[in-house]
PDB file of N, CA and C in Angstrom:
ATOM      1  N   MET A   1     129.010 116.796 144.758  1.00  0.00           N
ATOM      2  CA  MET A   1     129.359 118.454 143.894  1.00  0.00           C
ATOM      3  C   MET A   1     128.104 118.369 142.949  1.00  0.00           C
ATOM      4  N   ASN A   2     127.832 119.804 143.113  1.00  0.00           N
ATOM      5  CA  ASN A   2     126.448 119.849 142.052  1.00  0.00           C
ATOM      6  C   ASN A   2     126.713 120.962 140.936  1.00  0.00           C
ATOM      7  N   ILE A   3     126.926 120.502 140.142  1.00  0.00           N
ATOM      8  CA  ILE A   3     127.549 120.656 138.334  1.00  0.00           C
ATOM      9  C   ILE A   3     126.252 121.962 137.465  1.00  0.00           C
ATOM     10  N   ASN A   4     126.935 122.670 137.128  1.00  0.00           N
ATOM     11  CA  ASN A   4     125.593 123.930 136.369  1.00  0.00           C
ATOM     12  C   ASN A   4     126.290 123.376 134.908  1.00  0.00           C
ATOM     13  N   ILE A   5     125.788 123.073 133.967  1.00  0.00           N
ATOM     14  CA  ILE A   5     126.549 123.731 132.986  1.00  0.00           C
ATOM     15  C   ILE A   5     125.492 124.891 131.960  1.00  0.00           C
ATOM     16  N   LYS A   6     126.359 125.994 131.785  1.00  0.00           N
ATOM     17  CA  LYS A   6     125.810 127.120 130.738  1.00  0.00           C
ATOM     18  C   LYS A   6     126.360 127.107 129.279  1.00  0.00           C
ATOM     19  N   ALA A   7     125.735 127.339 128.056  1.00  0.00           N
ATOM     20  CA  ALA A   7     126.352 127.037 127.186  1.00  0.00           C
ATOM     21  C   ALA A   7     125.680 128.807 126.545  1.00  0.00           C
ATOM     22  N   THR A   8     126.644 129.016 125.926  1.00  0.00           N
ATOM     23  CA  THR A   8     126.101 130.802 125.663  1.00  0.00           C
ATOM     24  C   THR A   8     126.930 130.594 124.528  1.00  0.00           C
ATOM     25  N   ASN A   9     125.742 131.007 123.009  1.00  0.00           N
ATOM     26  CA  ASN A   9     125.690 131.368 122.071  1.00  0.00           C
ATOM     27  C   ASN A   9     126.388 129.766 121.422  1.00  0.00           C
ATOM     28  N   ILE A  10     126.289 129.159 121.838  1.00  0.00           N
ATOM     29  CA  ILE A  10     126.347 127.877 121.505  1.00  0.00           C
ATOM     30  C   ILE A  10     124.745 126.901 122.310  1.00  0.00           C
ATOM     31  N   THR A  11     124.616 125.953 121.455  1.00  0.00           N
ATOM     32  CA  THR A  11     123.077 124.547 121.879  1.00  0.00           C
ATOM     33  C   THR A  11     124.387 124.049 122.314  1.00  0.00           C
ATOM     34  N   LEU A  12     123.576 123.957 123.163  1.00  0.00           N
ATOM     35  CA  LEU A  12     124.898 122.779 124.699  1.00  0.00           C
ATOM     36  C   LEU A  12     124.328 121.536 124.280  1.00  0.00           C
ATOM     37  N   THR A  13     125.173 120.271 123.315  1.00  0.00           N
ATOM     38  CA  THR A  13     124.653 119.135 123.206  1.00  0.00           C
ATOM     39  C   THR A  13     124.852 118.062 124.246  1.00  0.00           C
ATOM     40  N   PRO A  14     124.473 116.981 124.195  1.00  0.00           N
ATOM     41  CA  PRO A  14     125.051 115.484 124.957  1.00  0.00           C
ATOM     42  C   PRO A  14     126.308 115.049 125.074  1.00  0.00           C
ATOM     43  N   SER A  15     127.484 115.483 124.227  1.00  0.00           N
ATOM     44  CA  SER A  15     128.968 115.712 123.512  1.00  0.00           C
ATOM     45  C   SER A  15     129.244 116.526 124.521  1.00  0.00           C
ATOM     46  N   ILE A  16     129.298 117.097 124.496  1.00  0.00           N
ATOM     47  CA  ILE A  16     129.789 118.492 124.903  1.00  0.00           C
ATOM     48  C   ILE A  16     129.220 118.409 126.640  1.00  0.00           C
ATOM     49  N   SER A  17     128.165 118.079 126.730  1.00  0.00           N
ATOM     50  CA  SER A  17     127.629 117.745 128.756  1.00  0.00           C
ATOM     51  C   SER A  17     128.671 116.939 128.386  1.00  0.00           C
ATOM     52  N   ASN A  18     128.971 115.745 128.212  1.00  0.00           N
ATOM     53  CA  ASN A  18     129.597 113.723 129.268  1.00  0.00           C
ATOM     54  C   ASN A  18     130.656 114.369 128.911  1.00  0.00           C
ATOM     55  N   TYR A  19     131.905 115.726 127.992  1.00  0.00           N
ATOM     56  CA  TYR A  19     132.254 115.323 128.020  1.00  0.00           C
ATOM     57  C   TYR A  19     133.545 116.917 129.071  1.00  0.00           C
ATOM     58  N   THR A  20     132.912 117.213 129.195  1.00  0.00           N
ATOM     59  CA  THR A  20     132.469 118.235 130.266  1.00  0.00           C
ATOM     60  C   THR A  20     132.391 117.321 132.196  1.00  0.00           C
ATOM     61  N   GLU A  21     131.728 116.918 131.912  1.00  0.00           N
ATOM     62  CA  GLU A  21     131.520 116.054 133.444  1.00  0.00           C
ATOM     63  C   GLU A  21     132.084 115.354 133.959  1.00  0.00           C
ATOM     64  N   LYS A  22     132.862 114.636 132.207  1.00  0.00           N
ATOM     65  CA  LYS A  22     133.894 113.590 133.040  1.00  0.00           C
ATOM     66  C   LYS A  22     134.794 114.178 132.645  1.00  0.00           C
ATOM     67  N   ARG A  23     135.513 115.137 132.517  1.00  0.00           N
ATOM     68  CA  ARG A  23     136.794 116.261 132.507  1.00  0.00           C
ATOM     69  C   ARG A  23     136.404 116.557 134.462  1.00  0.00           C
ATOM     70  N   LEU A  24     135.289 116.509 135.165  1.00  0.00           N
ATOM     71  CA  LEU A  24     134.940 117.386 136.057  1.00  0.00           C
ATOM     72  C   LEU A  24     135.089 116.164 137.092  1.00  0.00           C
ATOM     73  N   ASN A  25     135.327 115.541 136.789  1.00  0.00           N
ATOM     74  CA  ASN A  25     134.944 113.914 138.053  1.00  0.00           C
ATOM     75  C   ASN A  25     136.153 114.271 138.447  1.00  0.00           C
ATOM     76  N   LYS A  26     137.446 114.330 138.019  1.00  0.00           N
ATOM     77  CA  LYS A  26     138.936 114.860 138.824  1.00  0.00           C
ATOM     78  C   LYS A  26     139.164 115.539 140.079  1.00  0.00           C
ATOM     79  N   ILE A  27     137.891 116.455 139.444  1.00  0.00           N
ATOM     80  CA  ILE A  27     137.470 117.637 140.050  1.00  0.00           C
ATOM     81  C   ILE A  27     136.668 117.767 141.725  1.00  0.00           C
ATOM     82  N   SER A  28     135.553 116.586 141.488  1.00  0.00           N
ATOM     83  CA  SER A  28     134.691 116.049 142.056  1.00  0.00           C
ATOM     84  C   SER A  28     135.704 115.431 143.332  1.00  0.00           C
ATOM     85  N   ARG A  29     136.950 114.438 142.951  1.00  0.00           N
ATOM     86  CA  ARG A  29     137.006 114.094 143.827  1.00  0.00           C
ATOM     87  C   ARG A  29     138.307 114.155 144.867  1.00  0.00           C
ATOM     88  N   LEU A  30     138.800 115.272 144.087  1.00  0.00           N
ATOM     89  CA  LEU A  30     139.995 115.818 145.351  1.00  0.00           C
ATOM     90  C   LEU A  30     138.754 116.885 146.423  1.00  0.00           C
ATOM     91  N   LEU A  31     137.690 117.674 145.746  1.00  0.00           N
ATOM     92  CA  LEU A  31     136.675 117.854 146.485  1.00  0.00           C
ATOM     93  C   LEU A  31     135.729 117.125 147.848  1.00  0.00           C
ATOM     94  N   LYS A  32     136.525 115.911 147.534  1.00  0.00           N
ATOM     95  CA  LYS A  32     136.526 114.573 148.289  1.00  0.00           C
ATOM     96  C   LYS A  32     133.659 114.171 148.043  1.00  0.00           C
ATOM     97  N   GLY A  33     133.512 114.568 147.015  1.00  0.00           N
ATOM     98  CA  GLY A  33     132.265 114.031 146.708  1.00  0.00           C
ATOM     99  C   GLY A  33     131.207 115.134 148.389  1.00  0.00           C
ATOM    100  N   ASP A  34     131.819 116.238 148.471  1.00  0.00           N
ATOM    101  CA  ASP A  34     131.241 117.372 148.896  1.00  0.00           C
ATOM    102  C   ASP A  34     129.929 117.965 148.163  1.00  0.00           C
ATOM    103  N   GLN A  35     128.900 117.015 149.141  1.00  0.00           N
ATOM    104  CA  GLN A  35     127.724 117.833 148.437  1.00  0.00           C
ATOM    105  C   GLN A  35     127.063 119.770 148.477  1.00  0.00           C
ATOM    106  N   SER A  36     127.941 119.987 148.835  1.00  0.00           N
ATOM    107  CA  SER A  36     127.574 121.780 149.182  1.00  0.00           C
ATOM    108  C   SER A  36     128.104 122.587 148.053  1.00  0.00           C
ATOM    109  N   VAL A  37     129.564 121.859 147.590  1.00  0.00           N
ATOM    110  CA  VAL A  37     130.150 122.611 147.033  1.00  0.00           C
ATOM    111  C   VAL A  37     129.055 122.545 145.402  1.00  0.00           C
ATOM    112  N   LYS A  38     129.090 123.839 145.406  1.00  0.00           N
ATOM    113  CA  LYS A  38     128.387 123.749 143.636  1.00  0.00           C
ATOM    114  C   LYS A  38     129.592 124.675 142.772  1.00  0.00           C
ATOM    115  N   CYS A  39     129.850 123.703 141.294  1.00  0.00           N
ATOM    116  CA  CYS A  39     130.437 124.182 141.157  1.00  0.00           C
ATOM    117  C   CYS A  39     129.416 124.658 139.153  1.00  0.00           C
ATOM    118  N   ASP A  40     129.837 125.834 138.242  1.00  0.00           N
ATOM    119  CA  ASP A  40     129.315 126.303 137.733  1.00  0.00           C
ATOM    120  C   ASP A  40     130.362 126.613 136.559  1.00  0.00           C
ATOM    121  N   VAL A  41     129.094 126.302 135.398  1.00  0.00           N
ATOM    122  CA  VAL A  41     130.975 125.889 133.716  1.00  0.00           C
ATOM    123  C   VAL A  41     129.970 126.242 132.851  1.00  0.00           C
ATOM    124  N   GLU A  42     131.227 127.165 132.211  1.00  0.00           N
ATOM    125  CA  GLU A  42     130.517 128.387 131.036  1.00  0.00           C
ATOM    126  C   GLU A  42     130.803 128.279 129.860  1.00  0.00           C
ATOM    127  N   VAL A  43     130.452 127.626 129.272  1.00  0.00           N
ATOM    128  CA  VAL A  43     131.056 127.298 127.771  1.00  0.00           C
ATOM    129  C   VAL A  43     130.827 127.984 127.004  1.00  0.00           C
ATOM    130  N   GLY A  44     131.134 128.532 125.439  1.00  0.00           N
ATOM    131  CA  GLY A  44     130.724 128.682 124.624  1.00  0.00           C
ATOM    132  C   GLY A  44     131.267 129.612 123.521  1.00  0.00           C
ATOM    133  N   ARG A  45     131.770 130.930 122.971  1.00  0.00           N
ATOM    134  CA  ARG A  45     131.867 130.709 121.912  1.00  0.00           C
ATOM    135  C   ARG A  45     131.663 132.280 122.371  1.00  0.00           C
ATOM    136  N   THR A  46     132.935 133.285 122.331  1.00  0.00           N
ATOM    137  CA  THR A  46     133.443 134.863 122.448  1.00  0.00           C
ATOM    138  C   THR A  46     132.189 135.839 122.026  1.00  0.00           C
ATOM    139  N   THR A  47     132.156 135.543 120.588  1.00  0.00           N
ATOM    140  CA  THR A  47     131.618 135.972 119.227  1.00  0.00           C
ATOM    141  C   THR A  47     130.684 135.315 118.715  1.00  0.00           C
ATOM    142  N   GLU A  48     130.001 136.157 117.147  1.00  0.00           N
ATOM    143  CA  GLU A  48     129.473 135.065 116.387  1.00  0.00           C
ATOM    144  C   GLU A  48     129.731 135.361 114.736  1.00  0.00           C
ATOM    145  N   HIS A  49     130.607 136.154 115.346  1.00  0.00           N
ATOM    146  CA  HIS A  49     130.897 136.339 114.109  1.00  0.00           C
ATOM    147  C   HIS A  49     132.473 136.050 113.057  1.00  0.00           C
ATOM    148  N   HIS A  50     133.190 136.002 114.540  1.00  0.00           N
ATOM    149  CA  HIS A  50     135.140 135.314 113.678  1.00  0.00           C
ATOM    150  C   HIS A  50     134.486 133.336 113.547  1.00  0.00           C
ATOM    151  N   TYR A  51     135.497 133.816 112.729  1.00  0.00           N
ATOM    152  CA  TYR A  51     135.870 132.109 112.584  1.00  0.00           C
ATOM    153  C   TYR A  51     137.292 131.880 112.520  1.00  0.00           C
ATOM    154  N   LYS A  52     138.040 132.500 113.377  1.00  0.00           N
ATOM    155  CA  LYS A  52     139.816 132.262 113.606  1.00  0.00           C
ATOM    156  C   LYS A  52     139.576 133.015 115.102  1.00  0.00           C
ATOM    157  N   GLY A  53     141.758 132.327 115.811  1.00  0.00           N
ATOM    158  CA  GLY A  53     141.853 132.810 116.984  1.00  0.00           C
ATOM    159  C   GLY A  53     140.423 132.582 117.682  1.00  0.00           C
ATOM    160  N   ASP A  54     140.983 132.882 118.603  1.00  0.00           N
ATOM    161  CA  ASP A  54     141.124 132.024 120.025  1.00  0.00           C
ATOM    162  C   ASP A  54     139.279 132.740 119.931  1.00  0.00           C
ATOM    163  N   VAL A  55     138.191 131.522 119.796  1.00  0.00           N
ATOM    164  CA  VAL A  55     136.901 132.206 119.596  1.00  0.00           C
ATOM    165  C   VAL A  55     135.942 131.430 120.529  1.00  0.00           C
ATOM    166  N   PHE A  56     136.331 129.926 120.881  1.00  0.00           N
ATOM    167  CA  PHE A  56     136.342 129.482 122.093  1.00  0.00           C
ATOM    168  C   PHE A  56     136.042 129.642 123.560  1.00  0.00           C
ATOM    169  N   ARG A  57     135.398 129.139 124.473  1.00  0.00           N
ATOM    170  CA  ARG A  57     135.606 130.162 126.014  1.00  0.00           C
ATOM    171  C   ARG A  57     134.730 128.328 127.249  1.00  0.00           C
ATOM    172  N   ALA A  58     136.303 129.044 127.638  1.00  0.00           N
ATOM    173  CA  ALA A  58     135.536 127.947 129.220  1.00  0.00           C
ATOM    174  C   ALA A  58     136.076 128.917 130.202  1.00  0.00           C
ATOM    175  N   GLU A  59     134.802 128.319 131.552  1.00  0.00           N
ATOM    176  CA  GLU A  59     134.915 128.989 132.719  1.00  0.00           C
ATOM    177  C   GLU A  59     134.692 127.810 133.739  1.00  0.00           C
ATOM    178  N   ILE A  60     134.839 127.792 134.744  1.00  0.00           N
ATOM    179  CA  ILE A  60     134.496 127.191 135.915  1.00  0.00           C
ATOM    180  C   ILE A  60     134.536 127.544 137.433  1.00  0.00           C
ATOM    181  N   HIS A  61     133.639 127.895 137.724  1.00  0.00           N
ATOM    182  CA  HIS A  61     133.691 128.631 139.338  1.00  0.00           C
ATOM    183  C   HIS A  61     133.033 128.243 141.071  1.00  0.00           C
ATOM    184  N   ILE A  62     134.022 127.580 140.889  1.00  0.00           N
ATOM    185  CA  ILE A  62     133.951 125.593 142.663  1.00  0.00           C
ATOM    186  C   ILE A  62     133.154 127.530 143.791  1.00  0.00           C
ATOM    187  N   VAL A  63     132.894 127.063 144.251  1.00  0.00           N
ATOM    188  CA  VAL A  63     132.070 128.363 145.690  1.00  0.00           C
ATOM    189  C   VAL A  63     131.767 127.020 145.874  1.00  0.00           C
ATOM    190  N   GLY A  64     131.840 127.107 147.194  1.00  0.00           N
ATOM    191  CA  GLY A  64     131.046 126.180 148.596  1.00  0.00           C
ATOM    192  C   GLY A  64     131.749 126.214 149.802  1.00  0.00           C
ATOM    193  N   ASN A  65     131.422 126.108 150.892  1.00  0.00           N
ATOM    194  CA  ASN A  65     132.281 125.272 151.767  1.00  0.00           C
ATOM    195  C   ASN A  65     133.705 125.963 151.771  1.00  0.00           C
ATOM    196  N   ASN A  66     133.505 127.044 152.125  1.00  0.00           N
ATOM    197  CA  ASN A  66     135.114 127.929 152.230  1.00  0.00           C
ATOM    198  C   ASN A  66     136.161 128.050 150.683  1.00  0.00           C
ATOM    199  N   LYS A  67     135.320 127.774 150.405  1.00  0.00           N
ATOM    200  CA  LYS A  67     135.867 127.817 148.573  1.00  0.00           C
ATOM    201  C   LYS A  67     135.818 128.945 147.549  1.00  0.00           C
ATOM    202  N   ASN A  68     137.220 129.355 146.725  1.00  0.00           N
ATOM    203  CA  ASN A  68     135.640 129.999 146.106  1.00  0.00           C
ATOM    204  C   ASN A  68     137.183 130.475 144.963  1.00  0.00           C
ATOM    205  N   ILE A  69     136.463 128.943 144.181  1.00  0.00           N
ATOM    206  CA  ILE A  69     138.288 128.953 142.725  1.00  0.00           C
ATOM    207  C   ILE A  69     137.116 128.944 141.724  1.00  0.00           C
ATOM    208  N   TYR A  70     138.385 130.413 140.206  1.00  0.00           N
ATOM    209  CA  TYR A  70     137.686 130.296 139.321  1.00  0.00           C
ATOM    210  C   TYR A  70     138.985 130.656 139.403  1.00  0.00           C
ATOM    211  N   ALA A  71     138.164 130.371 137.469  1.00  0.00           N
ATOM    212  CA  ALA A  71     139.440 130.010 136.109  1.00  0.00           C
ATOM    213  C   ALA A  71     138.292 129.882 134.749  1.00  0.00           C
ATOM    214  N   SER A  72     139.138 129.917 134.233  1.00  0.00           N
ATOM    215  CA  SER A  72     139.072 130.868 132.260  1.00  0.00           C
ATOM    216  C   SER A  72     139.558 130.409 131.746  1.00  0.00           C
ATOM    217  N   SER A  73     139.770 130.163 130.329  1.00  0.00           N
ATOM    218  CA  SER A  73     140.251 129.598 129.001  1.00  0.00           C
ATOM    219  C   SER A  73     140.206 130.201 127.962  1.00  0.00           C
ATOM    220  N   GLU A  74     140.612 130.695 126.767  1.00  0.00           N
ATOM    221  CA  GLU A  74     139.650 130.372 125.734  1.00  0.00           C
ATOM    222  C   GLU A  74     141.039 130.026 124.695  1.00  0.00           C
ATOM    223  N   GLN A  75     140.121 129.199 124.390  1.00  0.00           N
ATOM    224  CA  GLN A  75     141.278 128.665 122.462  1.00  0.00           C
ATOM    225  C   GLN A  75     140.699 128.320 121.443  1.00  0.00           C
ATOM    226  N   PRO A  76     140.954 128.256 120.078  1.00  0.00           N
ATOM    227  CA  PRO A  76     140.466 128.352 119.104  1.00  0.00           C
ATOM    228  C   PRO A  76     139.702 126.850 118.767  1.00  0.00           C
ATOM    229  N   ASP A  77     140.206 126.060 119.914  1.00  0.00           N
ATOM    230  CA  ASP A  77     138.650 124.969 120.140  1.00  0.00           C
ATOM    231  C   ASP A  77     137.922 124.261 121.358  1.00  0.00           C
ATOM    232  N   LEU A  78     136.801 124.242 121.216  1.00  0.00           N
ATOM    233  CA  LEU A  78     136.045 123.974 122.368  1.00  0.00           C
ATOM    234  C   LEU A  78     136.935 122.826 123.656  1.00  0.00           C
ATOM    235  N   TYR A  79     137.290 122.266 123.837  1.00  0.00           N
ATOM    236  CA  TYR A  79     137.488 120.517 124.012  1.00  0.00           C
ATOM    237  C   TYR A  79     138.718 121.042 125.436  1.00  0.00           C
ATOM    238  N   ALA A  80     139.423 122.091 124.146  1.00  0.00           N
ATOM    239  CA  ALA A  80     140.600 122.430 124.391  1.00  0.00           C
ATOM    240  C   ALA A  80     141.216 123.188 125.539  1.00  0.00           C
ATOM    241  N   ALA A  81     139.469 124.063 125.399  1.00  0.00           N
ATOM    242  CA  ALA A  81     140.058 125.267 126.301  1.00  0.00           C
ATOM    243  C   ALA A  81     138.930 124.709 127.769  1.00  0.00           C
ATOM    244  N   ILE A  82     138.100 123.259 127.579  1.00  0.00           N
ATOM    245  CA  ILE A  82     138.220 122.552 128.693  1.00  0.00           C
ATOM    246  C   ILE A  82     138.603 122.184 129.194  1.00  0.00           C
ATOM    247  N   ASP A  83     139.363 121.793 129.274  1.00  0.00           N
ATOM    248  CA  ASP A  83     141.087 120.511 129.407  1.00  0.00           C
ATOM    249  C   ASP A  83     142.099 121.562 130.227  1.00  0.00           C
ATOM    250  N   ILE A  84     141.983 122.615 129.455  1.00  0.00           N
ATOM    251  CA  ILE A  84     142.886 123.841 130.156  1.00  0.00           C
ATOM    252  C   ILE A  84     142.668 124.467 131.604  1.00  0.00           C
ATOM    253  N   VAL A  85     141.280 124.917 131.189  1.00  0.00           N
ATOM    254  CA  VAL A  85     140.332 125.306 132.601  1.00  0.00           C
ATOM    255  C   VAL A  85     140.481 124.491 133.610  1.00  0.00           C
ATOM    256  N   ARG A  86     140.371 123.535 133.311  1.00  0.00           N
ATOM    257  CA  ARG A  86     140.159 122.103 133.914  1.00  0.00           C
ATOM    258  C   ARG A  86     141.787 122.235 135.056  1.00  0.00           C
ATOM    259  N   ASP A  87     142.244 121.963 133.964  1.00  0.00           N
ATOM    260  CA  ASP A  87     144.117 121.929 134.637  1.00  0.00           C
ATOM    261  C   ASP A  87     144.501 122.974 135.637  1.00  0.00           C
ATOM    262  N   GLU A  88     143.789 124.516 135.260  1.00  0.00           N
ATOM    263  CA  GLU A  88     144.007 125.099 136.007  1.00  0.00           C
ATOM    264  C   GLU A  88     143.097 125.581 137.679  1.00  0.00           C
ATOM    265  N   ILE A  89     141.844 125.137 137.329  1.00  0.00           N
ATOM    266  CA  ILE A  89     141.684 124.701 138.558  1.00  0.00           C
ATOM    267  C   ILE A  89     141.558 124.049 139.701  1.00  0.00           C
ATOM    268  N   LEU A  90     142.104 122.331 139.294  1.00  0.00           N
ATOM    269  CA  LEU A  90     143.475 121.266 139.622  1.00  0.00           C
ATOM    270  C   LEU A  90     144.715 122.269 139.771  1.00  0.00           C
ATOM    271  N   ARG A  91     145.306 122.878 139.908  1.00  0.00           N
ATOM    272  CA  ARG A  91     146.622 123.537 140.226  1.00  0.00           C
ATOM    273  C   ARG A  91     145.961 124.177 141.143  1.00  0.00           C
ATOM    274  N   GLU A  92     145.053 125.170 141.046  1.00  0.00           N
ATOM    275  CA  GLU A  92     144.626 126.150 142.300  1.00  0.00           C
ATOM    276  C   GLU A  92     144.121 125.577 143.568  1.00  0.00           C
ATOM    277  N   ILE A  93     143.459 123.695 143.319  1.00  0.00           N
ATOM    278  CA  ILE A  93     142.951 123.522 144.697  1.00  0.00           C
ATOM    279  C   ILE A  93     144.628 123.019 145.285  1.00  0.00           C
ATOM    280  N   LYS A  94     145.254 121.904 143.953  1.00  0.00           N
ATOM    281  CA  LYS A  94     146.297 121.730 144.956  1.00  0.00           C
ATOM    282  C   LYS A  94     147.264 122.618 145.364  1.00  0.00           C
ATOM    283  N   SER A  95     147.010 124.066 145.072  1.00  0.00           N
ATOM    284  CA  SER A  95     147.835 124.157 145.577  1.00  0.00           C
ATOM    285  C   SER A  95     147.459 125.359 146.895  1.00  0.00           C
ATOM    286  N   LYS A  96     146.160 125.344 146.932  1.00  0.00           N
ATOM    287  CA  LYS A  96     145.645 126.039 148.382  1.00  0.00           C
ATOM    288  C   LYS A  96     145.700 125.048 149.575  1.00  0.00           C
ATOM    289  N   ARG A  97     145.308 123.662 149.225  1.00  0.00           N
ATOM    290  CA  ARG A  97     145.551 122.387 150.348  1.00  0.00           C
ATOM    291  C   ARG A  97     147.046 122.446 150.709  1.00  0.00           C
ATOM    292  N   GLU A  98     147.947 122.703 149.670  1.00  0.00           N
ATOM    293  CA  GLU A  98     149.461 122.071 150.171  1.00  0.00           C
ATOM    294  C   GLU A  98     149.537 123.708 150.585  1.00  0.00           C
ATOM    295  N   LYS A  99     148.846 124.787 150.800  1.00  0.00           N
ATOM    296  CA  LYS A  99     149.133 126.091 151.526  1.00  0.00           C
ATOM    297  C   LYS A  99     148.737 126.005 153.338  1.00  0.00           C
ATOM    298  N   ARG A 100     147.796 125.314 152.540  1.00  0.00           N
ATOM    299  CA  ARG A 100     146.789 124.944 154.495  1.00  0.00           C
ATOM    300  C   ARG A 100     147.543 123.372 155.204  1.00  0.00           C
ATOM    301  N   ILE A 101     148.158 122.807 154.625  1.00  0.00           N
ATOM    302  CA  ILE A 101     149.209 122.217 155.397  1.00  0.00           C
ATOM    303  C   ILE A 101     150.071 121.796 155.895  1.00  0.00           C
ATOM    304  N   SER A 102     150.798 123.287 154.908  1.00  0.00           N
ATOM    305  CA  SER A 102     152.163 124.071 155.645  1.00  0.00           C
ATOM    306  C   SER A 102     151.898 124.924 156.809  1.00  0.00           C
ATOM    307  N   PHE A 103     150.810 125.712 156.237  1.00  0.00           N
ATOM    308  CA  PHE A 103     150.024 127.045 157.397  1.00  0.00           C
ATOM    309  C   PHE A 103     150.004 125.925 158.935  1.00  0.00           C
ATOM    310  N   VAL A 104     149.306 124.314 158.763  1.00  0.00           N
ATOM    311  CA  VAL A 104     149.041 123.467 160.672  1.00  0.00           C
ATOM    312  C   VAL A 104     150.555 123.199 160.318  1.00  0.00           C
ATOM    313  N   ARG A 105     151.510 123.206 160.427  1.00  0.00           N
ATOM    314  CA  ARG A 105     152.246 121.837 160.663  1.00  0.00           C
ATOM    315  C   ARG A 105     152.951 123.320 160.837  1.00  0.00           C
ATOM    316  N   ARG A 106     153.294 124.522 160.421  1.00  0.00           N
ATOM    317  CA  ARG A 106     154.659 125.665 160.673  1.00  0.00           C
ATOM    318  C   ARG A 106     153.599 126.019 162.044  1.00  0.00           C
ATOM    319  N   GLY A 107     152.246 126.385 162.317  1.00  0.00           N
ATOM    320  CA  GLY A 107     152.098 126.257 163.352  1.00  0.00           C
ATOM    321  C   GLY A 107     152.388 125.459 164.545  1.00  0.00           C
ATOM    322  N   GLY A 108     152.480 123.495 164.402  1.00  0.00           N
ATOM    323  CA  GLY A 108     152.565 123.030 165.342  1.00  0.00           C
ATOM    324  C   GLY A 108     153.969 123.431 166.157  1.00  0.00           C
ATOM    325  N   ALA A 109     154.900 123.663 164.756  1.00  0.00           N
ATOM    326  CA  ALA A 109     156.423 123.645 165.389  1.00  0.00           C
ATOM    327  C   ALA A 109     156.187 124.555 166.108  1.00  0.00           C
ATOM    328  N   ARG A 110     155.628 126.073 165.699  1.00  0.00           N
ATOM    329  CA  ARG A 110     155.575 127.410 167.068  1.00  0.00           C
ATOM    330  C   ARG A 110     154.640 126.746 168.498  1.00  0.00           C
ATOM    331  N   MET A 111     154.046 125.607 168.387  1.00  0.00           N
ATOM    332  CA  MET A 111     153.514 125.363 169.724  1.00  0.00           C
ATOM    333  C   MET A 111     154.300 124.179 170.053  1.00  0.00           C
ATOM    334  N   LYS A 112     155.442 123.638 169.840  1.00  0.00           N
ATOM    335  CA  LYS A 112     156.491 122.379 169.685  1.00  0.00           C
ATOM    336  C   LYS A 112     157.041 123.100 170.713  1.00  0.00           C
ATOM    337  N   ALA A 113     157.468 124.553 170.075  1.00  0.00           N
ATOM    338  CA  ALA A 113     158.780 125.801 170.848  1.00  0.00           C
ATOM    339  C   ALA A 113     158.134 125.855 171.426  1.00  0.00           C
ATOM    340  N   MET A 114     157.381 126.660 172.028  1.00  0.00           N
ATOM    341  CA  MET A 114     156.936 126.897 173.048  1.00  0.00           C
ATOM    342  C   MET A 114     156.436 126.069 174.075  1.00  0.00           C
ATOM    343  N   LEU A 115     156.454 125.180 174.043  1.00  0.00           N
ATOM    344  CA  LEU A 115     155.957 124.365 174.919  1.00  0.00           C
ATOM    345  C   LEU A 115     157.789 123.940 175.634  1.00  0.00           C
ATOM    346  N   LYS A 116     158.308 123.933 174.686  1.00  0.00           N
ATOM    347  CA  LYS A 116     159.966 123.563 174.813  1.00  0.00           C
ATOM    348  C   LYS A 116     160.491 124.814 175.784  1.00  0.00           C
ATOM    349  N   GLY A 117     159.874 125.624 175.877  1.00  0.00           N
ATOM    350  CA  GLY A 117     160.242 126.646 176.786  1.00  0.00           C
ATOM    351  C   GLY A 117     159.803 127.204 177.460  1.00  0.00           C
ATOM    352  N   LEU A 118     158.228 126.671 177.850  1.00  0.00           N
ATOM    353  CA  LEU A 118     158.240 126.507 179.315  1.00  0.00           C
ATOM    354  C   LEU A 118     158.492 125.890 180.973  1.00  0.00           C
ATOM    355  N   TRP A 119     159.214 124.834 180.660  1.00  0.00           N
ATOM    356  CA  TRP A 119     160.311 123.661 181.100  1.00  0.00           C
ATOM    357  C   TRP A 119     161.270 124.103 181.664  1.00  0.00           C
ATOM    358  N   PRO A 120     162.023 125.415 182.554  1.00  0.00           N
ATOM    359  CA  PRO A 120     162.918 125.790 182.923  1.00  0.00           C
ATOM    360  C   PRO A 120     164.482 125.088 183.293  1.00  0.00           C
ATOM    361  N   TRP A 121     163.844 123.649 184.220  1.00  0.00           N
ATOM    362  CA  TRP A 121     164.514 122.403 184.545  1.00  0.00           C
ATOM    363  C   TRP A 121     165.764 122.233 183.221  1.00  0.00           C
ATOM    364  N   ARG A 122     164.765 121.955 182.119  1.00  0.00           N
ATOM    365  CA  ARG A 122     165.070 121.952 181.001  1.00  0.00           C
ATOM    366  C   ARG A 122     166.517 122.222 180.456  1.00  0.00           C
ATOM    367  N   LYS A 123     167.614 121.584 180.010  1.00  0.00           N
ATOM    368  CA  LYS A 123     168.669 122.266 179.625  1.00  0.00           C
ATOM    369  C   LYS A 123     168.973 122.744 177.835  1.00  0.00           C
ATOM    370  N   LYS A 124     168.895 123.731 177.582  1.00  0.00           N
ATOM    371  CA  LYS A 124     168.881 124.364 175.878  1.00  0.00           C
ATOM    372  C   LYS A 124     170.160 123.880 175.103  1.00  0.00           C
ATOM    373  N   ASN A 125     169.711 122.804 174.527  1.00  0.00           N
ATOM    374  CA  ASN A 125     171.043 122.849 173.576  1.00  0.00           C
ATOM    375  C   ASN A 125     171.897 123.750 172.693  1.00  0.00           C
ATOM    376  N   ILE A 126     172.952 124.808 172.363  1.00  0.00           N
ATOM    377  CA  ILE A 126     172.611 126.656 171.842  1.00  0.00           C
ATOM    378  C   ILE A 126     173.970 125.840 170.869  1.00  0.00           C
TER     379      ILE A 126
END
């Protein structure tokens, strides 16, 4: 997974960069280390003049290999915003995986039902 980190209205320090990359390791493991997947991360302040309220923002956009996942979060703390947006992305990835598996299983069950109907000499249990 290719990770691009962008900072808006703040300077990107090595501590912020390391923290973000460390949090994204779980996402890259779920995506099985696919190098065609591109992950854009944007961290920053929403405005220059506010000091109270939800000031920091984190966004993650994952594109590639039939995936297009986006999540964002605004929190009073930058590290909390990164944690929350990571949890949202993980939830979406797991949800899409479960939907895909359910769809495959349902299709398999339908195929089995159709094949059972092809042999008329078999007795059907009603």
